[in-house]
Amino acid sequence: MSNIIKVPFFLICFISIGFAAQSSGQKIFEQYCWGCHHQTATAFGPSFEDIANKRSLGEIEGHIIAPKATYKQLGYKRSVMPSFKDKLSTEELNTIANYILQYRSK
């Protein structure tokens, strides 16, 4: 394959993967998170923008699967967030955590 063909092909694949991850993250967000969190506005819980600006990928994933064990170290006074350890697969956990990180301020 010539370089002229390779560049657009890889660019299209990269963009498609990004859209798939975003739409998958959006789907998980709507199913599990939307009742308490919003992307850029504070709802019952902090916005994804606020979370993304303060937390690492590991901290986000840790809090999603074990909020009762992590809330104090993350600076919260209490946590009413349920654990999603038995509800999300490892792939879904990674997808939603990366979706949240997309809202980090530039």
C-alpha atoms as a PDB file:
ATOM      1  CA  MET A   1       0.000   0.000   0.000  1.00  0.00           C
ATOM      2  CA  SER A   2       1.423   3.389  -0.874  1.00  0.00           C
ATOM      3  CA  ASN A   3       1.973   6.021   1.791  1.00  0.00           C
ATOM      4  CA  ILE A   4      -0.681   8.225   0.189  1.00  0.00           C
ATOM      5  CA  ILE A   5      -3.290   5.548   0.851  1.00  0.00           C
ATOM      6  CA  LYS A   6      -1.955   4.462   4.263  1.00  0.00           C
ATOM      7  CA  VAL A   7      -2.224   7.857   5.975  1.00  0.00           C
ATOM      8  CA  PRO A   8      -5.949   8.460   5.290  1.00  0.00           C
ATOM      9  CA  PHE A   9      -6.736   4.806   6.068  1.00  0.00           C
ATOM     10  CA  PHE A  10      -5.046   4.943   9.497  1.00  0.00           C
ATOM     11  CA  LEU A  11      -6.547   8.347  10.215  1.00  0.00           C
ATOM     12  CA  ILE A  12     -10.055   7.046   9.490  1.00  0.00           C
ATOM     13  CA  CYS A  13      -9.443   3.973  11.687  1.00  0.00           C
ATOM     14  CA  PHE A  14      -8.110   6.124  14.547  1.00  0.00           C
ATOM     15  CA  ILE A  15     -11.086   8.508  14.382  1.00  0.00           C
ATOM     16  CA  SER A  16     -13.542   5.593  14.209  1.00  0.00           C
ATOM     17  CA  ILE A  17     -12.039   3.980  17.303  1.00  0.00           C
ATOM     18  CA  GLY A  18     -12.269   7.308  19.144  1.00  0.00           C
ATOM     19  CA  PHE A  19     -15.949   7.712  18.256  1.00  0.00           C
ATOM     20  CA  ALA A  20     -16.669   4.113  19.265  1.00  0.00           C
ATOM     21  CA  ALA A  21     -15.012   4.626  22.650  1.00  0.00           C
ATOM     22  CA  GLN A  22     -16.879   7.888  23.185  1.00  0.00           C
ATOM     23  CA  SER A  23     -20.259   6.404  22.246  1.00  0.00           C
ATOM     24  CA  SER A  24     -19.549   3.358  24.422  1.00  0.00           C
ATOM     25  CA  GLY A  25     -18.578   5.646  27.304  1.00  0.00           C
ATOM     26  CA  GLN A  26     -21.713   7.704  26.713  1.00  0.00           C
ATOM     27  CA  LYS A  27     -23.824   4.539  26.845  1.00  0.00           C
ATOM     28  CA  ILE A  28     -22.283   3.422  30.162  1.00  0.00           C
ATOM     29  CA  PHE A  29     -22.677   6.963  31.517  1.00  0.00           C
ATOM     30  CA  GLU A  30     -26.372   7.015  30.616  1.00  0.00           C
ATOM     31  CA  GLN A  31     -26.957   3.578  32.123  1.00  0.00           C
ATOM     32  CA  TYR A  32     -25.087   3.929  35.418  1.00  0.00           C
ATOM     33  CA  CYS A  33     -23.949   7.499  36.125  1.00  0.00           C
ATOM     34  CA  TRP A  34     -26.458   9.991  34.769  1.00  0.00           C
ATOM     35  CA  GLY A  35     -28.776   9.858  37.782  1.00  0.00           C
ATOM     36  CA  CYS A  36     -26.117  11.480  39.986  1.00  0.00           C
ATOM     37  CA  HIS A  37     -23.476  12.958  37.652  1.00  0.00           C
ATOM     38  CA  HIS A  38     -23.456  15.217  34.626  1.00  0.00           C
ATOM     39  CA  GLN A  39     -20.620  15.908  32.275  1.00  0.00           C
ATOM     40  CA  THR A  40     -19.959  19.574  33.093  1.00  0.00           C
ATOM     41  CA  ALA A  41     -22.513  20.573  35.753  1.00  0.00           C
ATOM     42  CA  THR A  42     -22.731  19.550  39.377  1.00  0.00           C
ATOM     43  CA  ALA A  43     -25.744  17.341  40.052  1.00  0.00           C
ATOM     44  CA  PHE A  44     -26.128  15.103  43.113  1.00  0.00           C
ATOM     45  CA  GLY A  45     -22.487  14.130  42.658  1.00  0.00           C
ATOM     46  CA  PRO A  46     -19.584  16.102  41.161  1.00  0.00           C
ATOM     47  CA  SER A  47     -19.408  16.708  37.428  1.00  0.00           C
ATOM     48  CA  PHE A  48     -17.146  14.590  35.245  1.00  0.00           C
ATOM     49  CA  GLU A  49     -15.236  17.781  34.492  1.00  0.00           C
ATOM     50  CA  ASP A  50     -14.533  18.303  38.208  1.00  0.00           C
ATOM     51  CA  ILE A  51     -13.593  14.639  38.701  1.00  0.00           C
ATOM     52  CA  ALA A  52     -11.320  14.597  35.639  1.00  0.00           C
ATOM     53  CA  ASN A  53      -9.475  17.710  36.776  1.00  0.00           C
ATOM     54  CA  LYS A  54      -8.726  16.269  40.222  1.00  0.00           C
ATOM     55  CA  ARG A  55      -8.253  12.522  39.709  1.00  0.00           C
ATOM     56  CA  SER A  56      -6.021  10.079  37.867  1.00  0.00           C
ATOM     57  CA  LEU A  57      -7.324   7.132  35.875  1.00  0.00           C
ATOM     58  CA  GLY A  58      -6.547   4.780  38.768  1.00  0.00           C
ATOM     59  CA  GLU A  59      -8.284   6.987  41.323  1.00  0.00           C
ATOM     60  CA  ILE A  60     -11.392   7.193  39.161  1.00  0.00           C
ATOM     61  CA  GLU A  61     -11.508   3.445  38.585  1.00  0.00           C
ATOM     62  CA  GLY A  62     -10.830   2.744  42.266  1.00  0.00           C
ATOM     63  CA  HIS A  63     -13.648   4.996  43.384  1.00  0.00           C
ATOM     64  CA  ILE A  64     -16.085   3.441  40.898  1.00  0.00           C
ATOM     65  CA  ILE A  65     -15.447  -0.083  42.182  1.00  0.00           C
ATOM     66  CA  ALA A  66     -14.889   0.699  45.893  1.00  0.00           C
ATOM     67  CA  PRO A  67     -16.258   4.129  46.853  1.00  0.00           C
ATOM     68  CA  LYS A  68     -16.590   3.264  50.538  1.00  0.00           C
ATOM     69  CA  ALA A  69     -12.877   2.407  50.670  1.00  0.00           C
ATOM     70  CA  THR A  70     -11.610   5.468  48.761  1.00  0.00           C
ATOM     71  CA  TYR A  71     -13.801   8.462  49.597  1.00  0.00           C
ATOM     72  CA  LYS A  72     -11.683   9.749  52.511  1.00  0.00           C
ATOM     73  CA  GLN A  73      -8.394   9.589  50.619  1.00  0.00           C
ATOM     74  CA  LEU A  74     -10.048  11.488  47.747  1.00  0.00           C
ATOM     75  CA  GLY A  75     -11.076  14.277  50.115  1.00  0.00           C
ATOM     76  CA  TYR A  76     -14.803  13.559  50.493  1.00  0.00           C
ATOM     77  CA  LYS A  77     -16.541  13.713  53.873  1.00  0.00           C
ATOM     78  CA  ARG A  78     -18.894  10.887  52.962  1.00  0.00           C
ATOM     79  CA  SER A  79     -19.936   8.764  50.007  1.00  0.00           C
ATOM     80  CA  VAL A  80     -23.351   7.530  49.020  1.00  0.00           C
ATOM     81  CA  MET A  81     -22.078   6.242  45.699  1.00  0.00           C
ATOM     82  CA  PRO A  82     -22.763   2.520  45.258  1.00  0.00           C
ATOM     83  CA  SER A  83     -20.017   0.149  44.187  1.00  0.00           C
ATOM     84  CA  PHE A  84     -20.095  -0.881  40.547  1.00  0.00           C
ATOM     85  CA  LYS A  85     -17.574  -3.695  41.031  1.00  0.00           C
ATOM     86  CA  ASP A  86     -20.102  -6.417  40.190  1.00  0.00           C
ATOM     87  CA  LYS A  87     -21.952  -4.365  37.560  1.00  0.00           C
ATOM     88  CA  LEU A  88     -19.132  -3.343  35.225  1.00  0.00           C
ATOM     89  CA  SER A  89     -16.674  -5.518  33.367  1.00  0.00           C
ATOM     90  CA  THR A  90     -13.019  -4.485  33.390  1.00  0.00           C
ATOM     91  CA  GLU A  91     -13.460  -3.152  29.850  1.00  0.00           C
ATOM     92  CA  GLU A  92     -16.544  -1.113  30.822  1.00  0.00           C
ATOM     93  CA  LEU A  93     -14.742   0.256  33.893  1.00  0.00           C
ATOM     94  CA  ASN A  94     -11.829   1.379  31.744  1.00  0.00           C
ATOM     95  CA  THR A  95     -14.200   2.830  29.129  1.00  0.00           C
ATOM     96  CA  ILE A  96     -16.175   4.946  31.607  1.00  0.00           C
ATOM     97  CA  ALA A  97     -13.013   6.122  33.397  1.00  0.00           C
ATOM     98  CA  ASN A  98     -11.500   7.242  30.090  1.00  0.00           C
ATOM     99  CA  TYR A  99     -14.808   8.856  29.118  1.00  0.00           C
ATOM    100  CA  ILE A 100     -14.700  10.865  32.356  1.00  0.00           C
ATOM    101  CA  LEU A 101     -11.108  11.920  31.652  1.00  0.00           C
ATOM    102  CA  GLN A 102     -12.200  13.377  28.312  1.00  0.00           C
ATOM    103  CA  TYR A 103     -13.756  16.212  30.315  1.00  0.00           C
ATOM    104  CA  ARG A 104     -10.414  17.326  31.790  1.00  0.00           C
ATOM    105  CA  SER A 105      -9.831  21.023  31.133  1.00  0.00           C
ATOM    106  CA  LYS A 106      -7.275  21.670  28.447  1.00  0.00           C
END
